[in-house]
C-alpha atoms as a PDB file:
ATOM      1  CA  MET A   1       0.000   0.000   0.000  1.00  0.00           C
ATOM      2  CA  ILE A   2       1.351   3.398  -0.953  1.00  0.00           C
ATOM      3  CA  LEU A   3      -0.299   6.550   0.306  1.00  0.00           C
ATOM      4  CA  ARG A   4       0.241  10.048  -0.964  1.00  0.00           C
ATOM      5  CA  ASN A   5       2.378  11.919   1.526  1.00  0.00           C
ATOM      6  CA  ASP A   6       1.631  15.451   0.393  1.00  0.00           C
ATOM      7  CA  ALA A   7      -2.177  15.469   0.403  1.00  0.00           C
ATOM      8  CA  GLY A   8      -2.697  16.441   4.058  1.00  0.00           C
ATOM      9  CA  MET A   9      -4.894  13.438   4.840  1.00  0.00           C
ATOM     10  CA  THR A  10      -5.889  12.594   8.391  1.00  0.00           C
ATOM     11  CA  ALA A  11      -5.132   9.111   9.727  1.00  0.00           C
ATOM     12  CA  GLY A  12      -8.756   8.133   9.175  1.00  0.00           C
ATOM     13  CA  LYS A  13      -8.750   9.395   5.592  1.00  0.00           C
ATOM     14  CA  MET A  14      -5.526   7.501   4.877  1.00  0.00           C
ATOM     15  CA  ALA A  15      -7.058   4.333   6.317  1.00  0.00           C
ATOM     16  CA  SER A  16     -10.150   4.660   4.135  1.00  0.00           C
ATOM     17  CA  GLN A  17      -8.101   5.340   0.999  1.00  0.00           C
ATOM     18  CA  ALA A  18      -5.847   2.365   1.776  1.00  0.00           C
ATOM     19  CA  SER A  19      -8.923   0.193   2.188  1.00  0.00           C
ATOM     20  CA  HIS A  20     -10.324   1.282  -1.167  1.00  0.00           C
ATOM     21  CA  ALA A  21      -7.009   0.502  -2.838  1.00  0.00           C
ATOM     22  CA  ALA A  22      -6.606  -2.897  -1.162  1.00  0.00           C
ATOM     23  CA  VAL A  23     -10.082  -4.037  -2.180  1.00  0.00           C
ATOM     24  CA  GLN A  24      -9.636  -2.873  -5.778  1.00  0.00           C
ATOM     25  CA  ALA A  25      -6.179  -4.491  -6.133  1.00  0.00           C
ATOM     26  CA  SER A  26      -7.538  -7.750  -4.699  1.00  0.00           C
ATOM     27  CA  LEU A  27     -10.414  -7.750  -7.185  1.00  0.00           C
ATOM     28  CA  ARG A  28      -7.969  -7.001  -9.997  1.00  0.00           C
ATOM     29  CA  CYS A  29      -5.774  -9.902  -8.850  1.00  0.00           C
ATOM     30  CA  LEU A  30      -8.736 -12.259  -8.852  1.00  0.00           C
ATOM     31  CA  GLU A  31      -9.525 -11.108 -12.393  1.00  0.00           C
ATOM     32  CA  ILE A  32      -6.049 -11.327 -13.963  1.00  0.00           C
ATOM     33  CA  ASP A  33      -4.401 -14.114 -11.949  1.00  0.00           C
ATOM     34  CA  PRO A  34      -6.727 -16.369  -9.926  1.00  0.00           C
ATOM     35  CA  THR A  35      -3.806 -18.634  -8.970  1.00  0.00           C
ATOM     36  CA  ARG A  36      -1.959 -15.712  -7.382  1.00  0.00           C
ATOM     37  CA  PHE A  37      -5.129 -14.753  -5.527  1.00  0.00           C
ATOM     38  CA  ALA A  38      -5.499 -18.326  -4.215  1.00  0.00           C
ATOM     39  CA  GLU A  39      -1.876 -18.251  -3.019  1.00  0.00           C
ATOM     40  CA  TYR A  40      -2.621 -14.970  -1.258  1.00  0.00           C
ATOM     41  CA  GLN A  41      -5.630 -16.527   0.451  1.00  0.00           C
ATOM     42  CA  ASP A  42      -3.673 -19.573   1.639  1.00  0.00           C
ATOM     43  CA  GLY A  43      -0.981 -17.399   3.227  1.00  0.00           C
ATOM     44  CA  THR A  44       1.798 -17.527   0.610  1.00  0.00           C
ATOM     45  CA  PHE A  45       1.840 -13.723   0.521  1.00  0.00           C
ATOM     46  CA  GLY A  46       1.832 -12.531   4.094  1.00  0.00           C
ATOM     47  CA  THR A  47       3.755  -9.292   4.457  1.00  0.00           C
ATOM     48  CA  LYS A  48       1.875  -6.057   4.013  1.00  0.00           C
ATOM     49  CA  VAL A  49       3.554  -2.670   4.165  1.00  0.00           C
ATOM     50  CA  CYS A  50       2.376   0.923   4.003  1.00  0.00           C
ATOM     51  CA  LEU A  51       4.669   3.335   2.209  1.00  0.00           C
ATOM     52  CA  THR A  52       4.459   7.000   1.249  1.00  0.00           C
ATOM     53  CA  ALA A  53       5.037   8.698  -2.086  1.00  0.00           C
ATOM     54  CA  THR A  54       4.275  11.837  -4.039  1.00  0.00           C
ATOM     55  CA  GLU A  55       1.464  11.948  -6.573  1.00  0.00           C
ATOM     56  CA  ASP A  56       3.984  11.694  -9.420  1.00  0.00           C
ATOM     57  CA  GLN A  57       5.542   8.608  -7.843  1.00  0.00           C
ATOM     58  CA  LEU A  58       2.096   7.022  -7.448  1.00  0.00           C
ATOM     59  CA  HIS A  59       1.420   7.485 -11.162  1.00  0.00           C
ATOM     60  CA  GLN A  60       4.875   6.186 -12.155  1.00  0.00           C
ATOM     61  CA  LEU A  61       4.592   3.100  -9.967  1.00  0.00           C
ATOM     62  CA  PHE A  62       1.075   2.409 -11.217  1.00  0.00           C
ATOM     63  CA  GLU A  63       2.302   2.514 -14.819  1.00  0.00           C
ATOM     64  CA  LEU A  64       5.243   0.255 -13.966  1.00  0.00           C
ATOM     65  CA  ALA A  65       3.096  -2.287 -12.110  1.00  0.00           C
ATOM     66  CA  SER A  66       0.504  -2.243 -14.889  1.00  0.00           C
ATOM     67  CA  SER A  67       3.169  -2.792 -17.553  1.00  0.00           C
ATOM     68  CA  ARG A  68       4.333  -5.859 -15.597  1.00  0.00           C
ATOM     69  CA  ASN A  69       0.739  -7.126 -15.427  1.00  0.00           C
ATOM     70  CA  LEU A  70       0.773  -6.985 -11.622  1.00  0.00           C
ATOM     71  CA  PRO A  71      -2.502  -6.503  -9.780  1.00  0.00           C
ATOM     72  CA  CYS A  72      -2.762  -2.849  -8.816  1.00  0.00           C
ATOM     73  CA  ALA A  73      -5.236  -0.064  -8.196  1.00  0.00           C
ATOM     74  CA  LEU A  74      -4.730   3.696  -8.273  1.00  0.00           C
ATOM     75  CA  ILE A  75      -7.323   5.485  -6.145  1.00  0.00           C
ATOM     76  CA  GLU A  76      -8.684   8.920  -6.915  1.00  0.00           C
ATOM     77  CA  ASP A  77     -10.823  10.434  -4.178  1.00  0.00           C
ATOM     78  CA  SER A  78     -13.835  12.278  -5.562  1.00  0.00           C
ATOM     79  CA  GLY A  79     -13.259  15.257  -3.288  1.00  0.00           C
ATOM     80  CA  HIS A  80     -16.738  15.048  -1.786  1.00  0.00           C
ATOM     81  CA  ALA A  81     -17.438  15.335   1.934  1.00  0.00           C
ATOM     82  CA  GLY A  82     -15.220  18.393   2.293  1.00  0.00           C
ATOM     83  CA  PHE A  83     -11.904  16.806   1.337  1.00  0.00           C
ATOM     84  CA  PHE A  84      -9.403  18.270  -1.129  1.00  0.00           C
ATOM     85  CA  ASP A  85     -11.440  21.431  -1.766  1.00  0.00           C
ATOM     86  CA  GLY A  86     -14.021  19.304  -3.581  1.00  0.00           C
ATOM     87  CA  LYS A  87     -11.539  18.360  -6.339  1.00  0.00           C
ATOM     88  CA  PRO A  88     -10.744  14.788  -7.389  1.00  0.00           C
ATOM     89  CA  THR A  89      -7.332  13.851  -5.957  1.00  0.00           C
ATOM     90  CA  VAL A  90      -5.118  10.788  -6.353  1.00  0.00           C
ATOM     91  CA  THR A  91      -4.569   9.471  -2.840  1.00  0.00           C
ATOM     92  CA  ALA A  92      -3.372   5.862  -2.828  1.00  0.00           C
ATOM     93  CA  LEU A  93      -1.961   2.970  -4.801  1.00  0.00           C
ATOM     94  CA  ALA A  94      -2.123  -0.711  -3.961  1.00  0.00           C
ATOM     95  CA  ILE A  95       0.134  -3.182  -5.733  1.00  0.00           C
ATOM     96  CA  GLY A  96      -0.259  -6.825  -4.994  1.00  0.00           C
ATOM     97  CA  PRO A  97      -0.196  -9.366  -3.847  1.00  0.00           C
ATOM     98  CA  ILE A  98       3.334  -9.488  -5.234  1.00  0.00           C
ATOM     99  CA  ARG A  99       6.492 -11.434  -4.550  1.00  0.00           C
ATOM    100  CA  ARG A 100       9.514  -9.627  -3.117  1.00  0.00           C
ATOM    101  CA  HIS A 101      11.423  -9.570  -6.408  1.00  0.00           C
ATOM    102  CA  GLU A 102       8.534  -8.181  -8.467  1.00  0.00           C
ATOM    103  CA  MET A 103       8.771  -4.534  -7.405  1.00  0.00           C
ATOM    104  CA  ARG A 104      12.233  -3.661  -6.164  1.00  0.00           C
ATOM    105  CA  GLU A 105      11.395   0.002  -6.889  1.00  0.00           C
ATOM    106  CA  LEU A 106       9.224   0.039  -3.774  1.00  0.00           C
ATOM    107  CA  LYS A 107      12.336  -0.238  -1.587  1.00  0.00           C
ATOM    108  CA  LYS A 108      13.123   3.373  -2.488  1.00  0.00           C
ATOM    109  CA  LEU A 109      10.006   4.651  -0.703  1.00  0.00           C
ATOM    110  CA  GLU A 110       9.661   5.522   2.972  1.00  0.00           C
ATOM    111  CA  LEU A 111       7.502   3.615   5.420  1.00  0.00           C
ATOM    112  CA  LEU A 112       4.327   5.365   6.530  1.00  0.00           C
ATOM    113  CA  LYS A 113       4.761   6.661  10.069  1.00  0.00           C
END
């Protein structure tokens, strides 16, 4: 899970955006690689991490993951309910489940604190 670090989100907003991304990436995984999804369900993929990135990094990593046919989901908040001045804003990216070697680029990002 990668959350945008420059959007001024509260902890609750980050949690909701992460949840949206996780659900969408899981559904995408089930669609493109049911075997991978089954391995995820049986515990083969167990580590989950939350990282932070800029909006540009989110877009770049989404394109990279998509080009590698990895399950991923880029989340754009609609801006309703008083967030982001009512403007649609990219907030989160989920990639996975993936194996350690599939996205070494993620090691360059900071852990969410």
